[in-house]
Amino acid sequence: MNVLVLGGSGFIGRALLEQLQRAGHRATVPTRRPHACRALTQWPAVTVVGGDVLGTPGLLERLLPGHDAVVNLIAVLQGNEARFEQLHVQWPHRLGGACVAAGVPRLVHVSALGVAGEAGALPSRYLRSKARGELTLHALAGLQLTVLRPSVVFGAGDRFLRLFAALQALAPVMPLAGADARFQPVWVGDVAEALLRCLQWSDSIGQTYELAGPETFTLRELVALAGRLSGHPRPILALPAALATLQALFLECLPGEPMMSRDNLASMRVPNVASGTLPGLRELGIAPTALAPVAAGYLGGGDARRLDAYRAQR
């Protein structure tokens, strides 16, 4: 199988490329980041193409022929209404149409947990745009679509647990917005394996899968766990709603991509847990991986051998 992986230089993309390589498949990864190109050359079955599929006219259409399937991992967590609309709604619509036109109708699209229901009723721009992106793909005739909705994804290189571990290494106390928000974190290796199996199994066409781990945590519990595993546990100060909004507004004003935004805070009003009404990892033949044994490997410094031993048992 020859797979075009869009967003392949990112966190989930790199894990997927490793899975494709091990399974004997080939992948093409367009990227506009030269440093990512060098990192991806470790896999002989991966072809890296320099360029921006979003901004270079005709590049997507030139890449599609010769591939058996496409995986879409392109997304952002932060942005204004126009940015979310561009990447989560307009881009999937353009991609799906191009796939059908090129005779490569097989598309596996990564969305997000928590987008079920009416898009207009969802509390954040991020969730609403993700929901509309799914709708626009389902409306395309001739597209052989599978949608994956992961919870927050953890693993070596994540920007979630590692961020909270780093913050606790610096601060004597951890002021926390959305402390009671609920998550069901899923290991990046399980997400990559789910993507691979959807590509390989024709029965997954037309399905939507919720990808979630075996445990549900509050954000407070996840932050506390990150502190313990990294050796820097700190008292956690849960912020009331008004102060949480002020904190998010302050972080939005800092240079660079914010650690937290008011839109993130709004998203956390929807529990980031599996509904139980859709198939998940187990239906794909994958036993969900517990968080702590894996996180200990990459947050605990010299404890990485525990992660290798854990993987060897799977």
C-alpha atoms as a PDB file:
ATOM      1  CA  MET A   1       0.000   0.000   0.000  1.00  0.00           C
ATOM      2  CA  ASN A   2       1.184   3.513  -0.829  1.00  0.00           C
ATOM      3  CA  VAL A   3      -0.205   6.151   1.549  1.00  0.00           C
ATOM      4  CA  LEU A   4      -0.126   9.940   1.313  1.00  0.00           C
ATOM      5  CA  VAL A   5       0.190  11.247   4.888  1.00  0.00           C
ATOM      6  CA  LEU A   6      -0.744  14.905   5.297  1.00  0.00           C
ATOM      7  CA  GLY A   7       0.585  16.333   8.545  1.00  0.00           C
ATOM      8  CA  GLY A   8       3.008  13.422   8.687  1.00  0.00           C
ATOM      9  CA  SER A   9       5.849  15.375  10.270  1.00  0.00           C
ATOM     10  CA  GLY A  10       3.836  15.988  13.446  1.00  0.00           C
ATOM     11  CA  PHE A  11       3.486  14.012  16.676  1.00  0.00           C
ATOM     12  CA  ILE A  12       0.890  11.477  15.482  1.00  0.00           C
ATOM     13  CA  GLY A  13       2.273  11.472  11.949  1.00  0.00           C
ATOM     14  CA  ARG A  14       5.720  10.265  13.010  1.00  0.00           C
ATOM     15  CA  ALA A  15       4.182   7.407  14.999  1.00  0.00           C
ATOM     16  CA  LEU A  16       2.049   6.434  11.991  1.00  0.00           C
ATOM     17  CA  LEU A  17       5.039   6.465   9.634  1.00  0.00           C
ATOM     18  CA  GLU A  18       6.862   4.069  11.951  1.00  0.00           C
ATOM     19  CA  GLN A  19       3.835   1.733  11.907  1.00  0.00           C
ATOM     20  CA  LEU A  20       3.563   1.894   8.107  1.00  0.00           C
ATOM     21  CA  GLN A  21       7.274   1.153   7.767  1.00  0.00           C
ATOM     22  CA  ARG A  22       7.032  -1.894  10.043  1.00  0.00           C
ATOM     23  CA  ALA A  23       3.990  -3.187   8.158  1.00  0.00           C
ATOM     24  CA  GLY A  24       5.795  -2.998   4.818  1.00  0.00           C
ATOM     25  CA  HIS A  25       3.839  -0.080   3.363  1.00  0.00           C
ATOM     26  CA  ARG A  26       5.189   3.019   1.643  1.00  0.00           C
ATOM     27  CA  ALA A  27       4.324   6.609   2.542  1.00  0.00           C
ATOM     28  CA  THR A  28       4.706  10.046   0.998  1.00  0.00           C
ATOM     29  CA  VAL A  29       4.943  13.041   3.336  1.00  0.00           C
ATOM     30  CA  PRO A  30       4.807  16.609   2.031  1.00  0.00           C
ATOM     31  CA  THR A  31       6.240  19.113   4.494  1.00  0.00           C
ATOM     32  CA  ARG A  32       7.283  22.749   4.513  1.00  0.00           C
ATOM     33  CA  ARG A  33       9.653  22.237   7.470  1.00  0.00           C
ATOM     34  CA  PRO A  34      13.215  21.332   6.389  1.00  0.00           C
ATOM     35  CA  HIS A  35      14.217  20.045   9.839  1.00  0.00           C
ATOM     36  CA  ALA A  36      11.286  17.622   9.726  1.00  0.00           C
ATOM     37  CA  CYS A  37      12.468  16.375   6.328  1.00  0.00           C
ATOM     38  CA  ARG A  38      15.793  15.330   7.837  1.00  0.00           C
ATOM     39  CA  ALA A  39      14.105  13.566  10.755  1.00  0.00           C
ATOM     40  CA  LEU A  40      11.838  11.540   8.472  1.00  0.00           C
ATOM     41  CA  THR A  41      14.654  10.138   6.332  1.00  0.00           C
ATOM     42  CA  GLN A  42      15.306   7.442   8.973  1.00  0.00           C
ATOM     43  CA  TRP A  43      12.534   5.375   7.343  1.00  0.00           C
ATOM     44  CA  PRO A  44      13.559   4.021   3.895  1.00  0.00           C
ATOM     45  CA  ALA A  45       9.932   3.501   2.849  1.00  0.00           C
ATOM     46  CA  VAL A  46       9.069   7.164   3.465  1.00  0.00           C
ATOM     47  CA  THR A  47       9.390   9.682   0.648  1.00  0.00           C
ATOM     48  CA  VAL A  48       9.590  13.293   1.794  1.00  0.00           C
ATOM     49  CA  VAL A  49       8.411  16.001  -0.586  1.00  0.00           C
ATOM     50  CA  GLY A  50       9.212  19.629   0.151  1.00  0.00           C
ATOM     51  CA  GLY A  51       6.231  21.940  -0.190  1.00  0.00           C
ATOM     52  CA  ASP A  52       3.055  23.239   1.389  1.00  0.00           C
ATOM     53  CA  VAL A  53      -0.115  21.399   0.289  1.00  0.00           C
ATOM     54  CA  LEU A  54      -2.206  24.184   1.801  1.00  0.00           C
ATOM     55  CA  GLY A  55      -0.521  27.069   0.058  1.00  0.00           C
ATOM     56  CA  THR A  56       1.102  25.726  -3.119  1.00  0.00           C
ATOM     57  CA  PRO A  57      -1.428  25.608  -5.979  1.00  0.00           C
ATOM     58  CA  GLY A  58      -1.638  22.205  -7.626  1.00  0.00           C
ATOM     59  CA  LEU A  59       0.716  20.395  -5.231  1.00  0.00           C
ATOM     60  CA  LEU A  60      -1.991  18.226  -3.668  1.00  0.00           C
ATOM     61  CA  GLU A  61      -3.359  17.273  -7.078  1.00  0.00           C
ATOM     62  CA  ARG A  62       0.143  16.341  -8.295  1.00  0.00           C
ATOM     63  CA  LEU A  63       0.797  14.166  -5.249  1.00  0.00           C
ATOM     64  CA  LEU A  64      -2.426  12.137  -5.197  1.00  0.00           C
ATOM     65  CA  PRO A  65      -1.956   9.904  -8.296  1.00  0.00           C
ATOM     66  CA  GLY A  66      -0.202   6.642  -7.496  1.00  0.00           C
ATOM     67  CA  HIS A  67      -1.434   6.463  -3.907  1.00  0.00           C
ATOM     68  CA  ASP A  68      -3.933   3.971  -2.521  1.00  0.00           C
ATOM     69  CA  ALA A  69      -5.120   6.053   0.429  1.00  0.00           C
ATOM     70  CA  VAL A  70      -4.732   9.392   2.184  1.00  0.00           C
ATOM     71  CA  VAL A  71      -4.470  10.185   5.902  1.00  0.00           C
ATOM     72  CA  ASN A  72      -5.338  13.722   7.002  1.00  0.00           C
ATOM     73  CA  LEU A  73      -3.653  14.844  10.225  1.00  0.00           C
ATOM     74  CA  ILE A  74      -3.595  18.585   9.475  1.00  0.00           C
ATOM     75  CA  ALA A  75      -5.125  20.557  12.360  1.00  0.00           C
ATOM     76  CA  VAL A  76      -4.450  23.304  14.892  1.00  0.00           C
ATOM     77  CA  LEU A  77      -5.391  23.749  18.545  1.00  0.00           C
ATOM     78  CA  GLN A  78      -5.137  27.545  18.568  1.00  0.00           C
ATOM     79  CA  GLY A  79      -6.487  30.141  16.190  1.00  0.00           C
ATOM     80  CA  ASN A  80      -9.214  32.603  15.342  1.00  0.00           C
ATOM     81  CA  GLU A  81     -12.468  31.774  13.573  1.00  0.00           C
ATOM     82  CA  ALA A  82     -10.922  32.183  10.116  1.00  0.00           C
ATOM     83  CA  ARG A  83      -7.967  29.913  10.917  1.00  0.00           C
ATOM     84  CA  PHE A  84     -10.163  27.116  12.265  1.00  0.00           C
ATOM     85  CA  GLU A  85     -12.506  27.455   9.285  1.00  0.00           C
ATOM     86  CA  GLN A  86      -9.603  27.263   6.841  1.00  0.00           C
ATOM     87  CA  LEU A  87      -7.891  24.194   8.318  1.00  0.00           C
ATOM     88  CA  HIS A  88     -10.767  22.217   9.813  1.00  0.00           C
ATOM     89  CA  VAL A  89     -13.577  22.879   7.310  1.00  0.00           C
ATOM     90  CA  GLN A  90     -12.368  24.274   3.981  1.00  0.00           C
ATOM     91  CA  TRP A  91      -9.250  22.094   3.834  1.00  0.00           C
ATOM     92  CA  PRO A  92     -11.044  18.742   4.435  1.00  0.00           C
ATOM     93  CA  HIS A  93     -13.654  19.711   1.837  1.00  0.00           C
ATOM     94  CA  ARG A  94     -10.938  20.543  -0.706  1.00  0.00           C
ATOM     95  CA  LEU A  95      -8.984  17.398   0.149  1.00  0.00           C
ATOM     96  CA  GLY A  96     -11.980  15.083  -0.100  1.00  0.00           C
ATOM     97  CA  GLY A  97     -13.001  16.526  -3.442  1.00  0.00           C
ATOM     98  CA  ALA A  98      -9.450  16.203  -4.789  1.00  0.00           C
ATOM     99  CA  CYS A  99      -9.263  12.572  -3.640  1.00  0.00           C
ATOM    100  CA  VAL A 100     -12.446  11.646  -5.505  1.00  0.00           C
ATOM    101  CA  ALA A 101     -11.384  13.573  -8.624  1.00  0.00           C
ATOM    102  CA  ALA A 102      -7.967  11.853  -8.650  1.00  0.00           C
ATOM    103  CA  GLY A 103      -9.450   8.370  -8.265  1.00  0.00           C
ATOM    104  CA  VAL A 104      -7.980   7.967  -4.760  1.00  0.00           C
ATOM    105  CA  PRO A 105     -11.210   8.007  -2.748  1.00  0.00           C
ATOM    106  CA  ARG A 106      -9.883   6.276   0.408  1.00  0.00           C
ATOM    107  CA  LEU A 107      -9.461   8.885   3.150  1.00  0.00           C
ATOM    108  CA  VAL A 108      -8.838   8.430   6.880  1.00  0.00           C
ATOM    109  CA  HIS A 109      -9.524  11.721   8.644  1.00  0.00           C
ATOM    110  CA  VAL A 110      -8.484  12.520  12.216  1.00  0.00           C
ATOM    111  CA  SER A 111     -11.041  14.679  13.999  1.00  0.00           C
ATOM    112  CA  ALA A 112     -11.459  15.097  17.781  1.00  0.00           C
ATOM    113  CA  LEU A 113     -13.393  13.586  20.645  1.00  0.00           C
ATOM    114  CA  GLY A 114     -16.284  15.728  21.825  1.00  0.00           C
ATOM    115  CA  VAL A 115     -17.652  16.857  18.446  1.00  0.00           C
ATOM    116  CA  ALA A 116     -20.815  14.738  18.509  1.00  0.00           C
ATOM    117  CA  GLY A 117     -24.179  16.486  18.218  1.00  0.00           C
ATOM    118  CA  GLU A 118     -25.117  19.745  16.569  1.00  0.00           C
ATOM    119  CA  ALA A 119     -22.033  21.707  15.558  1.00  0.00           C
ATOM    120  CA  GLY A 120     -23.645  25.041  16.425  1.00  0.00           C
ATOM    121  CA  ALA A 121     -24.307  23.915  19.999  1.00  0.00           C
ATOM    122  CA  LEU A 122     -20.673  23.139  20.791  1.00  0.00           C
ATOM    123  CA  PRO A 123     -19.020  25.687  23.110  1.00  0.00           C
ATOM    124  CA  SER A 124     -15.734  26.398  21.301  1.00  0.00           C
ATOM    125  CA  ARG A 125     -14.564  27.444  17.847  1.00  0.00           C
ATOM    126  CA  TYR A 126     -12.228  24.455  17.779  1.00  0.00           C
ATOM    127  CA  LEU A 127     -14.953  21.870  18.392  1.00  0.00           C
ATOM    128  CA  ARG A 128     -17.469  23.554  16.095  1.00  0.00           C
ATOM    129  CA  SER A 129     -14.976  23.658  13.224  1.00  0.00           C
ATOM    130  CA  LYS A 130     -13.987  20.021  13.758  1.00  0.00           C
ATOM    131  CA  ALA A 131     -17.655  19.005  13.663  1.00  0.00           C
ATOM    132  CA  ARG A 132     -18.290  20.987  10.477  1.00  0.00           C
ATOM    133  CA  GLY A 133     -15.208  19.410   8.909  1.00  0.00           C
ATOM    134  CA  GLU A 134     -16.664  15.951   9.462  1.00  0.00           C
ATOM    135  CA  LEU A 135     -20.001  17.025   7.992  1.00  0.00           C
ATOM    136  CA  THR A 136     -18.435  18.413   4.837  1.00  0.00           C
ATOM    137  CA  LEU A 137     -16.576  15.148   4.257  1.00  0.00           C
ATOM    138  CA  HIS A 138     -19.645  12.996   4.809  1.00  0.00           C
ATOM    139  CA  ALA A 139     -21.473  15.090   2.216  1.00  0.00           C
ATOM    140  CA  LEU A 140     -18.993  14.232  -0.575  1.00  0.00           C
ATOM    141  CA  ALA A 141     -20.266  11.521  -2.905  1.00  0.00           C
ATOM    142  CA  GLY A 142     -17.827   8.747  -3.764  1.00  0.00           C
ATOM    143  CA  LEU A 143     -15.499   9.285  -0.788  1.00  0.00           C
ATOM    144  CA  GLN A 144     -14.516   6.131   1.124  1.00  0.00           C
ATOM    145  CA  LEU A 145     -14.212   7.835   4.504  1.00  0.00           C
ATOM    146  CA  THR A 146     -13.171   6.724   7.975  1.00  0.00           C
ATOM    147  CA  VAL A 147     -13.170   9.250  10.839  1.00  0.00           C
ATOM    148  CA  LEU A 148     -11.106   8.864  14.010  1.00  0.00           C
ATOM    149  CA  ARG A 149     -11.899  10.967  17.083  1.00  0.00           C
ATOM    150  CA  PRO A 150      -9.014  10.737  19.579  1.00  0.00           C
ATOM    151  CA  SER A 151      -9.003  12.095  23.091  1.00  0.00           C
ATOM    152  CA  VAL A 152      -5.930  14.061  24.169  1.00  0.00           C
ATOM    153  CA  VAL A 153      -2.912  12.094  22.919  1.00  0.00           C
ATOM    154  CA  PHE A 154       0.071  11.330  25.148  1.00  0.00           C
ATOM    155  CA  GLY A 155       3.471   9.842  24.451  1.00  0.00           C
ATOM    156  CA  ALA A 156       7.139  10.737  24.202  1.00  0.00           C
ATOM    157  CA  GLY A 157       7.249  14.133  22.509  1.00  0.00           C
ATOM    158  CA  ASP A 158       3.723  15.188  23.493  1.00  0.00           C
ATOM    159  CA  ARG A 159       2.931  18.814  24.332  1.00  0.00           C
ATOM    160  CA  PHE A 160       0.471  17.946  27.076  1.00  0.00           C
ATOM    161  CA  LEU A 161       1.963  16.055  30.017  1.00  0.00           C
ATOM    162  CA  ARG A 162       5.467  17.334  29.218  1.00  0.00           C
ATOM    163  CA  LEU A 163       4.224  20.917  29.420  1.00  0.00           C
ATOM    164  CA  PHE A 164       2.710  20.418  32.858  1.00  0.00           C
ATOM    165  CA  ALA A 165       5.835  18.607  34.042  1.00  0.00           C
ATOM    166  CA  ALA A 166       8.028  21.499  32.840  1.00  0.00           C
ATOM    167  CA  LEU A 167       5.830  24.127  34.469  1.00  0.00           C
ATOM    168  CA  GLN A 168       5.976  22.338  37.819  1.00  0.00           C
ATOM    169  CA  ALA A 169       9.748  22.193  37.611  1.00  0.00           C
ATOM    170  CA  LEU A 170       9.745  26.014  37.561  1.00  0.00           C
ATOM    171  CA  ALA A 171       6.836  27.116  39.739  1.00  0.00           C
ATOM    172  CA  PRO A 172       6.253  26.560  43.481  1.00  0.00           C
ATOM    173  CA  VAL A 173       2.496  26.241  42.940  1.00  0.00           C
ATOM    174  CA  MET A 174       0.399  25.270  39.913  1.00  0.00           C
ATOM    175  CA  PRO A 175      -2.595  27.584  39.267  1.00  0.00           C
ATOM    176  CA  LEU A 176      -4.907  25.534  37.069  1.00  0.00           C
ATOM    177  CA  ALA A 177      -7.862  26.527  34.913  1.00  0.00           C
ATOM    178  CA  GLY A 178     -10.436  23.848  34.137  1.00  0.00           C
ATOM    179  CA  ALA A 179      -9.162  21.598  36.925  1.00  0.00           C
ATOM    180  CA  ASP A 180     -12.295  19.432  36.898  1.00  0.00           C
ATOM    181  CA  ALA A 181     -12.372  18.915  33.113  1.00  0.00           C
ATOM    182  CA  ARG A 182     -12.428  15.216  32.240  1.00  0.00           C
ATOM    183  CA  PHE A 183     -10.120  13.450  29.781  1.00  0.00           C
ATOM    184  CA  GLN A 184      -9.548   9.881  28.625  1.00  0.00           C
ATOM    185  CA  PRO A 185      -5.966  10.141  27.296  1.00  0.00           C
ATOM    186  CA  VAL A 186      -4.935   7.800  24.494  1.00  0.00           C
ATOM    187  CA  TRP A 187      -1.379   6.676  23.728  1.00  0.00           C
ATOM    188  CA  VAL A 188       0.046   7.897  20.422  1.00  0.00           C
ATOM    189  CA  GLY A 189       1.122   4.342  19.592  1.00  0.00           C
ATOM    190  CA  ASP A 190      -2.486   3.165  19.853  1.00  0.00           C
ATOM    191  CA  VAL A 191      -3.664   6.034  17.633  1.00  0.00           C
ATOM    192  CA  ALA A 192      -1.049   5.143  15.013  1.00  0.00           C
ATOM    193  CA  GLU A 193      -2.021   1.474  15.126  1.00  0.00           C
ATOM    194  CA  ALA A 194      -5.699   2.426  14.773  1.00  0.00           C
ATOM    195  CA  LEU A 195      -4.845   4.476  11.681  1.00  0.00           C
ATOM    196  CA  LEU A 196      -2.933   1.549  10.204  1.00  0.00           C
ATOM    197  CA  ARG A 197      -5.753  -0.911  10.816  1.00  0.00           C
ATOM    198  CA  CYS A 198      -8.329   1.431   9.309  1.00  0.00           C
ATOM    199  CA  LEU A 199      -6.167   1.684   6.203  1.00  0.00           C
ATOM    200  CA  GLN A 200      -5.883  -2.090   6.024  1.00  0.00           C
ATOM    201  CA  TRP A 201      -9.467  -3.029   6.881  1.00  0.00           C
ATOM    202  CA  SER A 202     -12.153  -2.235   4.323  1.00  0.00           C
ATOM    203  CA  ASP A 203     -14.794  -2.816   7.040  1.00  0.00           C
ATOM    204  CA  SER A 204     -13.714   0.504   8.585  1.00  0.00           C
ATOM    205  CA  ILE A 205     -15.026   2.483   5.588  1.00  0.00           C
ATOM    206  CA  GLY A 206     -18.014   4.560   6.637  1.00  0.00           C
ATOM    207  CA  GLN A 207     -17.194   4.171  10.338  1.00  0.00           C
ATOM    208  CA  THR A 208     -16.387   6.728  13.040  1.00  0.00           C
ATOM    209  CA  TYR A 209     -14.157   5.507  15.873  1.00  0.00           C
ATOM    210  CA  GLU A 210     -13.655   7.102  19.288  1.00  0.00           C
ATOM    211  CA  LEU A 211     -10.046   6.598  20.373  1.00  0.00           C
ATOM    212  CA  ALA A 212      -9.673   6.750  24.148  1.00  0.00           C
ATOM    213  CA  GLY A 213      -7.527   5.156  26.801  1.00  0.00           C
ATOM    214  CA  PRO A 214      -8.714   2.789  29.529  1.00  0.00           C
ATOM    215  CA  GLU A 215      -8.866   5.443  32.279  1.00  0.00           C
ATOM    216  CA  THR A 216     -10.640   8.742  32.841  1.00  0.00           C
ATOM    217  CA  PHE A 217      -8.828  11.567  34.662  1.00  0.00           C
ATOM    218  CA  THR A 218      -9.628  15.098  35.667  1.00  0.00           C
ATOM    219  CA  LEU A 219      -7.147  17.702  34.485  1.00  0.00           C
ATOM    220  CA  ARG A 220      -6.105  18.152  38.121  1.00  0.00           C
ATOM    221  CA  GLU A 221      -5.246  14.443  38.344  1.00  0.00           C
ATOM    222  CA  LEU A 222      -3.254  14.546  35.113  1.00  0.00           C
ATOM    223  CA  VAL A 223      -1.247  17.570  36.233  1.00  0.00           C
ATOM    224  CA  ALA A 224      -0.550  15.934  39.600  1.00  0.00           C
ATOM    225  CA  LEU A 225       0.576  12.759  37.842  1.00  0.00           C
ATOM    226  CA  ALA A 226       2.907  14.716  35.556  1.00  0.00           C
ATOM    227  CA  GLY A 227       4.429  16.406  38.608  1.00  0.00           C
ATOM    228  CA  ARG A 228       4.991  13.135  40.474  1.00  0.00           C
ATOM    229  CA  LEU A 229       6.468  11.266  37.520  1.00  0.00           C
ATOM    230  CA  SER A 230       8.840  14.109  36.666  1.00  0.00           C
ATOM    231  CA  GLY A 231       9.969  14.472  40.267  1.00  0.00           C
ATOM    232  CA  HIS A 232       8.487  17.965  40.747  1.00  0.00           C
ATOM    233  CA  PRO A 233       5.098  17.579  42.458  1.00  0.00           C
ATOM    234  CA  ARG A 234       3.539  20.933  43.298  1.00  0.00           C
ATOM    235  CA  PRO A 235       0.381  22.042  45.094  1.00  0.00           C
ATOM    236  CA  ILE A 236      -2.402  22.601  42.544  1.00  0.00           C
ATOM    237  CA  LEU A 237      -4.577  25.687  42.909  1.00  0.00           C
ATOM    238  CA  ALA A 238      -7.844  25.227  41.028  1.00  0.00           C
ATOM    239  CA  LEU A 239      -8.955  28.580  39.627  1.00  0.00           C
ATOM    240  CA  PRO A 240     -12.597  29.672  39.732  1.00  0.00           C
ATOM    241  CA  ALA A 241     -14.224  30.399  36.381  1.00  0.00           C
ATOM    242  CA  ALA A 242     -13.600  34.166  36.372  1.00  0.00           C
ATOM    243  CA  LEU A 243      -9.892  33.811  37.244  1.00  0.00           C
ATOM    244  CA  ALA A 244      -9.523  30.937  34.774  1.00  0.00           C
ATOM    245  CA  THR A 245     -10.818  33.185  32.001  1.00  0.00           C
ATOM    246  CA  LEU A 246      -8.443  35.975  33.014  1.00  0.00           C
ATOM    247  CA  GLN A 247      -5.511  33.546  33.050  1.00  0.00           C
ATOM    248  CA  ALA A 248      -6.415  32.282  29.573  1.00  0.00           C
ATOM    249  CA  LEU A 249      -6.748  35.843  28.288  1.00  0.00           C
ATOM    250  CA  PHE A 250      -3.319  36.720  29.699  1.00  0.00           C
ATOM    251  CA  LEU A 251      -1.724  33.652  28.080  1.00  0.00           C
ATOM    252  CA  GLU A 252      -3.326  34.545  24.738  1.00  0.00           C
ATOM    253  CA  CYS A 253      -1.518  37.895  24.844  1.00  0.00           C
ATOM    254  CA  LEU A 254       1.955  36.390  25.245  1.00  0.00           C
ATOM    255  CA  PRO A 255       4.176  36.025  22.158  1.00  0.00           C
ATOM    256  CA  GLY A 256       4.023  32.757  20.241  1.00  0.00           C
ATOM    257  CA  GLU A 257       1.389  30.031  20.400  1.00  0.00           C
ATOM    258  CA  PRO A 258      -0.420  30.282  23.750  1.00  0.00           C
ATOM    259  CA  MET A 259      -0.273  27.462  26.284  1.00  0.00           C
ATOM    260  CA  MET A 260      -3.957  28.085  26.969  1.00  0.00           C
ATOM    261  CA  SER A 261      -6.687  30.184  25.369  1.00  0.00           C
ATOM    262  CA  ARG A 262     -10.262  31.057  26.186  1.00  0.00           C
ATOM    263  CA  ASP A 263     -11.295  28.761  23.356  1.00  0.00           C
ATOM    264  CA  ASN A 264      -9.380  25.871  24.974  1.00  0.00           C
ATOM    265  CA  LEU A 265     -11.170  26.637  28.209  1.00  0.00           C
ATOM    266  CA  ALA A 266     -14.526  26.542  26.424  1.00  0.00           C
ATOM    267  CA  SER A 267     -13.616  23.202  24.814  1.00  0.00           C
ATOM    268  CA  MET A 268     -13.028  21.696  28.255  1.00  0.00           C
ATOM    269  CA  ARG A 269     -16.679  22.213  29.100  1.00  0.00           C
ATOM    270  CA  VAL A 270     -17.321  19.144  26.937  1.00  0.00           C
ATOM    271  CA  PRO A 271     -15.948  15.979  28.611  1.00  0.00           C
ATOM    272  CA  ASN A 272     -13.111  14.632  26.489  1.00  0.00           C
ATOM    273  CA  VAL A 273     -14.204  11.039  27.039  1.00  0.00           C
ATOM    274  CA  ALA A 274     -15.690   8.334  24.834  1.00  0.00           C
ATOM    275  CA  SER A 275     -19.472   8.352  24.551  1.00  0.00           C
ATOM    276  CA  GLY A 276     -19.672   4.552  24.361  1.00  0.00           C
ATOM    277  CA  THR A 277     -22.099   4.805  21.439  1.00  0.00           C
ATOM    278  CA  LEU A 278     -19.423   4.420  18.745  1.00  0.00           C
ATOM    279  CA  PRO A 279     -16.760   1.758  18.147  1.00  0.00           C
ATOM    280  CA  GLY A 280     -13.320   2.351  19.589  1.00  0.00           C
ATOM    281  CA  LEU A 281      -9.887   0.801  19.925  1.00  0.00           C
ATOM    282  CA  ARG A 282     -11.161  -2.586  21.028  1.00  0.00           C
ATOM    283  CA  GLU A 283     -13.331  -2.893  17.927  1.00  0.00           C
ATOM    284  CA  LEU A 284     -10.127  -2.379  15.947  1.00  0.00           C
ATOM    285  CA  GLY A 285      -8.458  -5.184  17.886  1.00  0.00           C
ATOM    286  CA  ILE A 286      -6.336  -2.858  20.037  1.00  0.00           C
ATOM    287  CA  ALA A 287      -6.124  -3.097  23.828  1.00  0.00           C
ATOM    288  CA  PRO A 288      -5.985   0.527  25.097  1.00  0.00           C
ATOM    289  CA  THR A 289      -2.712   1.388  26.822  1.00  0.00           C
ATOM    290  CA  ALA A 290      -2.679   2.729  30.383  1.00  0.00           C
ATOM    291  CA  LEU A 291      -1.109   6.155  30.820  1.00  0.00           C
ATOM    292  CA  ALA A 292       1.163   5.860  33.862  1.00  0.00           C
ATOM    293  CA  PRO A 293       3.552   3.071  32.703  1.00  0.00           C
ATOM    294  CA  VAL A 294       4.229   4.897  29.437  1.00  0.00           C
ATOM    295  CA  ALA A 295       4.420   8.407  30.900  1.00  0.00           C
ATOM    296  CA  ALA A 296       6.909   7.201  33.506  1.00  0.00           C
ATOM    297  CA  GLY A 297       9.276   6.375  30.674  1.00  0.00           C
ATOM    298  CA  TYR A 298       9.458   9.855  29.169  1.00  0.00           C
ATOM    299  CA  LEU A 299       8.719  12.061  32.170  1.00  0.00           C
ATOM    300  CA  GLY A 300      10.916  10.162  34.610  1.00  0.00           C
ATOM    301  CA  GLY A 301      14.251  10.781  32.903  1.00  0.00           C
ATOM    302  CA  GLY A 302      16.372   7.706  33.520  1.00  0.00           C
ATOM    303  CA  ASP A 303      13.269   5.549  33.861  1.00  0.00           C
ATOM    304  CA  ALA A 304      13.012   5.051  30.077  1.00  0.00           C
ATOM    305  CA  ARG A 305      13.829   1.343  30.476  1.00  0.00           C
ATOM    306  CA  ARG A 306      10.399   0.867  32.052  1.00  0.00           C
ATOM    307  CA  LEU A 307       8.819   2.081  28.817  1.00  0.00           C
ATOM    308  CA  ASP A 308      10.890  -0.358  26.726  1.00  0.00           C
ATOM    309  CA  ALA A 309       9.907  -3.228  29.014  1.00  0.00           C
ATOM    310  CA  TYR A 310       6.264  -2.206  28.856  1.00  0.00           C
ATOM    311  CA  ARG A 311       6.303  -2.133  25.051  1.00  0.00           C
ATOM    312  CA  ALA A 312       7.989  -5.550  24.949  1.00  0.00           C
ATOM    313  CA  GLN A 313       5.068  -7.034  26.902  1.00  0.00           C
ATOM    314  CA  ARG A 314       2.473  -5.839  24.339  1.00  0.00           C
END
